[in-house]
Every structure is written in C-alpha cells, then in structure tokens.
N, C-alpha and C. Protein backbone atom coordinates (compact mmCIF):
# COMPACT_ATOMS: atom_id res chain seq x y z
N MET A 1 25.26 41.95 -18.62
CA MET A 1 24.20 42.80 -18.17
C MET A 1 22.84 42.20 -18.57
N PHE A 2 22.73 41.73 -19.80
CA PHE A 2 21.47 41.15 -20.27
C PHE A 2 21.11 39.93 -19.42
N PHE A 3 22.08 39.07 -19.16
CA PHE A 3 21.80 37.86 -18.36
C PHE A 3 21.28 38.23 -16.98
N LEU A 4 21.93 39.20 -16.33
CA LEU A 4 21.48 39.59 -14.99
C LEU A 4 20.09 40.20 -15.02
N LEU A 5 19.79 40.97 -16.04
CA LEU A 5 18.46 41.56 -16.14
C LEU A 5 17.39 40.50 -16.32
N THR A 6 17.67 39.51 -17.12
CA THR A 6 16.66 38.49 -17.41
C THR A 6 16.59 37.40 -16.35
N SER A 7 17.62 37.27 -15.54
CA SER A 7 17.61 36.21 -14.52
C SER A 7 17.37 36.74 -13.11
N SER A 8 17.39 38.04 -12.93
CA SER A 8 17.15 38.63 -11.61
C SER A 8 15.67 38.83 -11.38
N GLU A 9 15.30 38.93 -10.12
CA GLU A 9 13.89 39.14 -9.77
C GLU A 9 13.43 40.55 -10.10
N SER A 10 14.37 41.50 -10.17
CA SER A 10 14.01 42.89 -10.43
C SER A 10 15.21 43.61 -11.04
N THR A 11 14.93 44.76 -11.62
CA THR A 11 16.03 45.58 -12.15
C THR A 11 16.91 46.09 -11.00
N GLU A 12 16.30 46.32 -9.86
CA GLU A 12 17.08 46.77 -8.69
C GLU A 12 18.07 45.69 -8.26
N GLN A 13 17.64 44.44 -8.27
CA GLN A 13 18.53 43.34 -7.91
C GLN A 13 19.68 43.24 -8.92
N ALA A 14 19.36 43.37 -10.19
CA ALA A 14 20.40 43.33 -11.23
C ALA A 14 21.37 44.49 -11.03
N TYR A 15 20.83 45.66 -10.73
CA TYR A 15 21.67 46.84 -10.48
C TYR A 15 22.64 46.59 -9.32
N GLN A 16 22.14 46.05 -8.23
CA GLN A 16 22.98 45.80 -7.05
C GLN A 16 24.07 44.77 -7.36
N LEU A 17 23.72 43.73 -8.10
CA LEU A 17 24.72 42.72 -8.45
C LEU A 17 25.80 43.32 -9.36
N LEU A 18 25.40 44.12 -10.32
CA LEU A 18 26.37 44.77 -11.20
C LEU A 18 27.25 45.75 -10.43
N LEU A 19 26.66 46.45 -9.50
CA LEU A 19 27.40 47.42 -8.69
C LEU A 19 28.50 46.74 -7.88
N HIS A 20 28.19 45.56 -7.37
CA HIS A 20 29.19 44.82 -6.59
C HIS A 20 30.23 44.14 -7.47
N GLU A 21 29.86 43.83 -8.71
CA GLU A 21 30.77 43.11 -9.59
C GLU A 21 31.77 44.01 -10.31
N TYR A 22 31.36 45.25 -10.60
CA TYR A 22 32.20 46.14 -11.40
C TYR A 22 32.59 47.39 -10.63
N ASP A 23 33.75 47.91 -10.95
CA ASP A 23 34.23 49.15 -10.36
C ASP A 23 33.67 50.32 -11.17
N VAL A 24 32.50 50.77 -10.76
CA VAL A 24 31.80 51.82 -11.50
C VAL A 24 31.06 52.72 -10.50
N GLU A 25 30.91 53.98 -10.87
CA GLU A 25 30.15 54.90 -10.03
C GLU A 25 28.68 54.49 -10.07
N PRO A 26 28.02 54.48 -8.92
CA PRO A 26 26.62 54.04 -8.88
C PRO A 26 25.70 54.80 -9.85
N GLN A 27 25.84 56.11 -9.92
CA GLN A 27 24.98 56.89 -10.81
C GLN A 27 25.24 56.57 -12.27
N GLN A 28 26.50 56.36 -12.63
CA GLN A 28 26.83 56.01 -14.01
C GLN A 28 26.25 54.65 -14.39
N LEU A 29 26.36 53.70 -13.48
CA LEU A 29 25.80 52.37 -13.73
C LEU A 29 24.29 52.45 -13.90
N LYS A 30 23.62 53.20 -13.03
CA LYS A 30 22.17 53.32 -13.13
C LYS A 30 21.76 53.93 -14.47
N GLN A 31 22.46 54.96 -14.89
CA GLN A 31 22.17 55.61 -16.17
C GLN A 31 22.39 54.62 -17.33
N ASN A 32 23.51 53.92 -17.32
CA ASN A 32 23.80 52.96 -18.38
C ASN A 32 22.78 51.82 -18.40
N LEU A 33 22.41 51.35 -17.23
CA LEU A 33 21.45 50.25 -17.14
C LEU A 33 20.08 50.67 -17.68
N LEU A 34 19.64 51.86 -17.32
CA LEU A 34 18.35 52.35 -17.80
C LEU A 34 18.36 52.57 -19.31
N GLN A 35 19.46 53.06 -19.84
CA GLN A 35 19.58 53.23 -21.29
C GLN A 35 19.54 51.87 -22.00
N PHE A 36 20.22 50.90 -21.43
CA PHE A 36 20.24 49.55 -22.00
C PHE A 36 18.84 48.95 -21.99
N ILE A 37 18.13 49.11 -20.88
CA ILE A 37 16.76 48.59 -20.78
C ILE A 37 15.87 49.26 -21.82
N ASP A 38 16.00 50.57 -21.98
CA ASP A 38 15.21 51.28 -23.00
C ASP A 38 15.46 50.73 -24.39
N LYS A 39 16.72 50.44 -24.71
CA LYS A 39 17.05 49.89 -26.02
C LYS A 39 16.45 48.50 -26.21
N LEU A 40 16.50 47.69 -25.16
CA LEU A 40 15.91 46.35 -25.23
C LEU A 40 14.40 46.43 -25.40
N LEU A 41 13.76 47.35 -24.69
CA LEU A 41 12.31 47.54 -24.82
C LEU A 41 11.96 48.00 -26.23
N ASP A 42 12.69 48.96 -26.75
CA ASP A 42 12.44 49.48 -28.10
C ASP A 42 12.57 48.39 -29.16
N ALA A 43 13.51 47.48 -28.93
CA ALA A 43 13.74 46.39 -29.90
C ALA A 43 12.77 45.22 -29.68
N GLY A 44 11.96 45.30 -28.63
CA GLY A 44 11.02 44.23 -28.36
C GLY A 44 11.66 42.97 -27.80
N LEU A 45 12.83 43.11 -27.23
CA LEU A 45 13.55 41.95 -26.70
C LEU A 45 13.19 41.60 -25.27
N VAL A 46 12.63 42.57 -24.56
CA VAL A 46 12.18 42.35 -23.18
C VAL A 46 10.86 43.08 -22.98
N GLU A 47 10.17 42.73 -21.92
CA GLU A 47 8.98 43.48 -21.54
C GLU A 47 9.01 43.66 -20.03
N VAL A 48 8.40 44.74 -19.59
CA VAL A 48 8.36 45.04 -18.16
C VAL A 48 7.07 44.46 -17.58
N THR A 49 7.22 43.74 -16.50
CA THR A 49 6.04 43.19 -15.83
C THR A 49 5.99 43.71 -14.41
N PRO A 50 4.82 44.12 -13.94
CA PRO A 50 4.71 44.60 -12.56
C PRO A 50 4.93 43.47 -11.56
N VAL A 51 5.44 43.85 -10.42
CA VAL A 51 5.72 42.85 -9.38
C VAL A 51 4.51 42.74 -8.47
C-alpha cells in the first residue's frame, strides 16, 4: 500500500490499483486507505501536495 501511494500520481490512482489487485469491498478499502494516509501524515512520513 505504501509503495502504491508513493509511486502513483494520486491517491485515487493508488485506490483503483489496490481495488483491482485485492478482493475487498470498495468502501472498506477507501476507509482503510484514508486511515493509513492519516497515520503516515501524523508520523511525518508523507506530505500531501496539490495537483
């Protein structure tokens, strides 16, 4: 998940790739992904940049 977030052009692109790769409900994946991003932001491991 971290690799896709940091190598994708957007979080939406990472979400779509994860959705196609794993057997998961779309809403559950979105919730998990947003929680993961929040944790990375809180830890200072990533930053959000506007497109």
